[in-house]
């Protein structure tokens, strides 16, 4: 797991310190946003030729780890029952 997470780096001098795909200026949040809007892996690979499928996997794993380690709790929504 550390190998794949090593594809994500944070450099305060690049993209204002946002997590990015190593060797690019592509933020993790951009990849996640594209996936969330329905982009396929192939769409992303065509649009960002320096990004690999493994980089996309790393973005997803990074997001999972961030959520797992987060103190943020979404608001509770009444179900109406």
N, C-alpha and C. Protein backbone atom coordinates (compact mmCIF):
# COMPACT_ATOMS: atom_id res chain seq x y z
N UNK A 1 0.82 -1.20 0.00
CA UNK A 1 0.00 0.00 0.00
C UNK A 1 0.86 1.25 0.00
N UNK A 2 1.98 1.24 0.74
CA UNK A 2 2.85 2.41 0.76
C UNK A 2 3.42 2.72 -0.61
N UNK A 3 3.65 1.67 -1.43
CA UNK A 3 4.17 1.90 -2.79
C UNK A 3 3.19 2.74 -3.59
N UNK A 4 1.92 2.36 -3.55
CA UNK A 4 0.95 3.10 -4.35
C UNK A 4 0.71 4.49 -3.76
N UNK A 5 0.67 4.61 -2.44
CA UNK A 5 0.49 5.93 -1.84
C UNK A 5 1.69 6.83 -2.09
N UNK A 6 2.85 6.26 -2.37
CA UNK A 6 4.03 7.05 -2.70
C UNK A 6 3.88 7.82 -3.99
N UNK A 7 2.85 7.51 -4.76
CA UNK A 7 2.59 8.25 -6.01
C UNK A 7 1.95 9.61 -5.72
N UNK A 8 1.50 9.80 -4.49
CA UNK A 8 0.88 11.07 -4.09
C UNK A 8 1.85 11.81 -3.19
N UNK A 9 2.11 13.07 -3.53
CA UNK A 9 3.05 13.88 -2.75
C UNK A 9 2.43 15.23 -2.42
N UNK A 10 2.99 15.85 -1.39
CA UNK A 10 2.60 17.21 -1.01
C UNK A 10 3.87 18.04 -0.97
N UNK A 11 3.87 19.10 -1.76
CA UNK A 11 5.00 20.03 -1.81
C UNK A 11 4.44 21.43 -1.66
N UNK A 12 4.79 22.13 -0.59
CA UNK A 12 4.23 23.47 -0.36
C UNK A 12 4.48 24.44 -1.52
N UNK A 13 5.46 24.14 -2.36
CA UNK A 13 5.78 25.03 -3.47
C UNK A 13 5.05 24.66 -4.76
N UNK A 14 4.27 23.58 -4.74
CA UNK A 14 3.55 23.14 -5.94
C UNK A 14 2.06 23.08 -5.61
N UNK A 15 1.26 23.78 -6.39
CA UNK A 15 -0.19 23.79 -6.23
C UNK A 15 -0.60 24.14 -4.80
N UNK A 16 0.09 25.08 -4.23
CA UNK A 16 -0.15 25.59 -2.87
C UNK A 16 -0.22 24.48 -1.81
N UNK A 17 0.55 23.43 -2.03
CA UNK A 17 0.64 22.37 -1.03
C UNK A 17 -0.47 21.34 -1.08
N UNK A 18 -1.29 21.36 -2.12
CA UNK A 18 -2.34 20.35 -2.25
C UNK A 18 -1.69 19.02 -2.64
N UNK A 19 -2.28 17.90 -2.25
CA UNK A 19 -1.75 16.61 -2.68
C UNK A 19 -1.84 16.49 -4.20
N UNK A 20 -0.75 16.07 -4.82
CA UNK A 20 -0.70 15.94 -6.28
C UNK A 20 -0.13 14.57 -6.65
N UNK A 21 -0.32 14.23 -7.91
CA UNK A 21 0.29 13.02 -8.46
C UNK A 21 1.77 13.33 -8.66
N UNK A 22 2.64 12.49 -8.10
CA UNK A 22 4.10 12.69 -8.18
C UNK A 22 4.54 12.93 -9.62
N UNK A 23 5.40 13.93 -9.80
CA UNK A 23 5.96 14.22 -11.12
C UNK A 23 5.04 15.03 -12.02
N UNK A 24 3.90 15.47 -11.47
CA UNK A 24 2.95 16.28 -12.25
C UNK A 24 2.51 17.46 -11.39
N UNK A 25 1.65 18.25 -11.96
CA UNK A 25 0.99 19.31 -11.20
C UNK A 25 -0.51 19.00 -11.13
N UNK A 26 -0.85 17.73 -11.22
CA UNK A 26 -2.24 17.30 -11.22
C UNK A 26 -2.68 16.99 -9.79
N UNK A 27 -3.60 17.80 -9.25
CA UNK A 27 -4.05 17.57 -7.88
C UNK A 27 -4.93 16.33 -7.76
N UNK A 28 -4.82 15.67 -6.62
CA UNK A 28 -5.67 14.52 -6.32
C UNK A 28 -7.13 14.93 -6.43
N UNK A 29 -7.47 16.09 -5.92
CA UNK A 29 -8.87 16.52 -5.93
C UNK A 29 -9.41 16.65 -7.35
N UNK A 30 -8.57 16.99 -8.31
CA UNK A 30 -9.01 17.07 -9.71
C UNK A 30 -9.39 15.68 -10.21
N UNK A 31 -8.53 14.70 -9.97
CA UNK A 31 -8.81 13.33 -10.41
C UNK A 31 -10.09 12.82 -9.76
N UNK A 32 -10.22 13.03 -8.45
CA UNK A 32 -11.42 12.58 -7.74
C UNK A 32 -12.67 13.27 -8.26
N UNK A 33 -12.55 14.56 -8.53
CA UNK A 33 -13.69 15.31 -9.07
C UNK A 33 -14.12 14.81 -10.44
N UNK A 34 -13.14 14.50 -11.29
CA UNK A 34 -13.46 13.97 -12.61
C UNK A 34 -14.17 12.62 -12.49
N UNK A 35 -13.66 11.76 -11.63
CA UNK A 35 -14.31 10.46 -11.42
C UNK A 35 -15.72 10.64 -10.89
N UNK A 36 -15.88 11.58 -9.97
CA UNK A 36 -17.20 11.84 -9.38
C UNK A 36 -18.21 12.38 -10.38
N UNK A 37 -17.71 13.01 -11.43
CA UNK A 37 -18.59 13.55 -12.47
C UNK A 37 -18.81 12.55 -13.60
N UNK A 38 -18.27 11.33 -13.42
CA UNK A 38 -18.54 10.30 -14.40
C UNK A 38 -17.44 10.05 -15.42
N UNK A 39 -16.31 10.73 -15.30
CA UNK A 39 -15.21 10.48 -16.23
C UNK A 39 -14.70 9.06 -16.03
N UNK A 40 -14.31 8.43 -17.12
CA UNK A 40 -13.72 7.10 -17.02
C UNK A 40 -12.22 7.23 -16.84
N UNK A 41 -11.59 6.12 -16.47
CA UNK A 41 -10.14 6.13 -16.38
C UNK A 41 -9.54 6.54 -17.71
N UNK A 42 -10.09 6.01 -18.80
CA UNK A 42 -9.56 6.34 -20.13
C UNK A 42 -9.71 7.83 -20.44
N UNK A 43 -10.81 8.44 -20.03
CA UNK A 43 -11.00 9.88 -20.21
C UNK A 43 -9.87 10.65 -19.53
N UNK A 44 -9.58 10.26 -18.30
CA UNK A 44 -8.54 10.95 -17.52
C UNK A 44 -7.17 10.72 -18.14
N UNK A 45 -6.89 9.50 -18.54
CA UNK A 45 -5.59 9.19 -19.15
C UNK A 45 -5.39 9.95 -20.45
N UNK A 46 -6.45 10.14 -21.21
CA UNK A 46 -6.35 10.94 -22.45
C UNK A 46 -6.13 12.41 -22.14
N UNK A 47 -6.83 12.91 -21.14
CA UNK A 47 -6.75 14.33 -20.81
C UNK A 47 -5.47 14.71 -20.07
N UNK A 48 -4.88 13.76 -19.39
CA UNK A 48 -3.68 14.00 -18.58
C UNK A 48 -2.67 12.90 -18.87
N UNK A 49 -1.95 13.01 -19.98
CA UNK A 49 -1.08 11.91 -20.44
C UNK A 49 0.02 11.50 -19.47
N UNK A 50 0.39 12.35 -18.54
CA UNK A 50 1.44 11.97 -17.57
C UNK A 50 0.89 11.18 -16.40
N UNK A 51 -0.44 11.10 -16.30
CA UNK A 51 -1.08 10.33 -15.23
C UNK A 51 -1.28 8.90 -15.72
N UNK A 52 -1.02 7.94 -14.84
CA UNK A 52 -1.21 6.53 -15.18
C UNK A 52 -2.41 5.96 -14.43
N UNK A 53 -2.82 4.77 -14.82
CA UNK A 53 -3.93 4.11 -14.13
C UNK A 53 -3.57 3.89 -12.66
N UNK A 54 -2.31 3.57 -12.40
CA UNK A 54 -1.87 3.38 -11.02
C UNK A 54 -1.97 4.68 -10.23
N UNK A 55 -1.73 5.81 -10.89
CA UNK A 55 -1.87 7.11 -10.23
C UNK A 55 -3.33 7.34 -9.83
N UNK A 56 -4.25 6.94 -10.69
CA UNK A 56 -5.68 7.09 -10.37
C UNK A 56 -6.03 6.22 -9.18
N UNK A 57 -5.52 4.97 -9.17
CA UNK A 57 -5.73 4.10 -8.02
C UNK A 57 -5.19 4.76 -6.75
N UNK A 58 -4.02 5.39 -6.87
CA UNK A 58 -3.40 6.04 -5.71
C UNK A 58 -4.27 7.19 -5.21
N UNK A 59 -4.88 7.94 -6.12
CA UNK A 59 -5.77 9.03 -5.71
C UNK A 59 -6.96 8.48 -4.92
N UNK A 60 -7.51 7.38 -5.40
CA UNK A 60 -8.65 6.77 -4.69
C UNK A 60 -8.24 6.26 -3.33
N UNK A 61 -7.09 5.61 -3.26
CA UNK A 61 -6.61 5.10 -1.98
C UNK A 61 -6.28 6.24 -1.03
N UNK A 62 -5.69 7.31 -1.55
CA UNK A 62 -5.39 8.49 -0.73
C UNK A 62 -6.68 9.05 -0.13
N UNK A 63 -7.73 9.14 -0.94
CA UNK A 63 -9.01 9.67 -0.46
C UNK A 63 -9.59 8.76 0.62
N UNK A 64 -9.49 7.45 0.41
CA UNK A 64 -10.00 6.51 1.41
C UNK A 64 -9.23 6.67 2.72
N UNK A 65 -7.93 6.80 2.64
CA UNK A 65 -7.11 6.96 3.85
C UNK A 65 -7.42 8.29 4.54
N UNK A 66 -7.63 9.34 3.75
CA UNK A 66 -7.95 10.65 4.32
C UNK A 66 -9.27 10.60 5.07
N UNK A 67 -10.26 9.92 4.49
CA UNK A 67 -11.56 9.80 5.15
C UNK A 67 -11.43 8.93 6.41
N UNK A 68 -10.69 7.87 6.30
CA UNK A 68 -10.49 6.95 7.42
C UNK A 68 -9.84 7.66 8.61
N UNK A 69 -8.97 8.61 8.34
CA UNK A 69 -8.24 9.31 9.39
C UNK A 69 -8.83 10.67 9.73
N UNK A 70 -10.00 10.97 9.21
CA UNK A 70 -10.61 12.28 9.38
C UNK A 70 -11.48 12.34 10.63
N UNK A 71 -11.52 13.49 11.23
CA UNK A 71 -12.42 13.73 12.35
C UNK A 71 -13.74 14.32 11.89
N UNK A 72 -13.83 14.64 10.59
CA UNK A 72 -15.04 15.24 10.05
C UNK A 72 -16.19 14.25 10.11
N UNK A 73 -17.33 14.71 10.58
CA UNK A 73 -18.55 13.90 10.58
C UNK A 73 -19.61 14.64 9.77
N UNK A 74 -20.13 14.00 8.72
CA UNK A 74 -21.17 14.65 7.94
C UNK A 74 -22.41 14.91 8.80
N UNK A 75 -23.22 15.87 8.43
CA UNK A 75 -24.42 16.15 9.22
C UNK A 75 -25.36 14.94 9.19
N UNK A 76 -26.05 14.74 10.29
CA UNK A 76 -27.04 13.66 10.38
C UNK A 76 -28.32 14.15 9.73
N UNK A 77 -28.85 13.33 8.84
CA UNK A 77 -30.06 13.70 8.11
C UNK A 77 -31.19 12.79 8.58
N UNK A 78 -32.29 13.41 8.94
CA UNK A 78 -33.45 12.63 9.38
C UNK A 78 -34.02 11.87 8.19
N UNK A 79 -34.37 10.62 8.40
CA UNK A 79 -34.90 9.79 7.31
C UNK A 79 -36.42 9.91 7.18
N UNK A 80 -37.05 10.58 8.11
CA UNK A 80 -38.49 10.74 8.06
C UNK A 80 -39.25 9.57 8.62
N UNK A 81 -38.55 8.64 9.24
CA UNK A 81 -39.24 7.47 9.82
C UNK A 81 -39.53 7.68 11.28
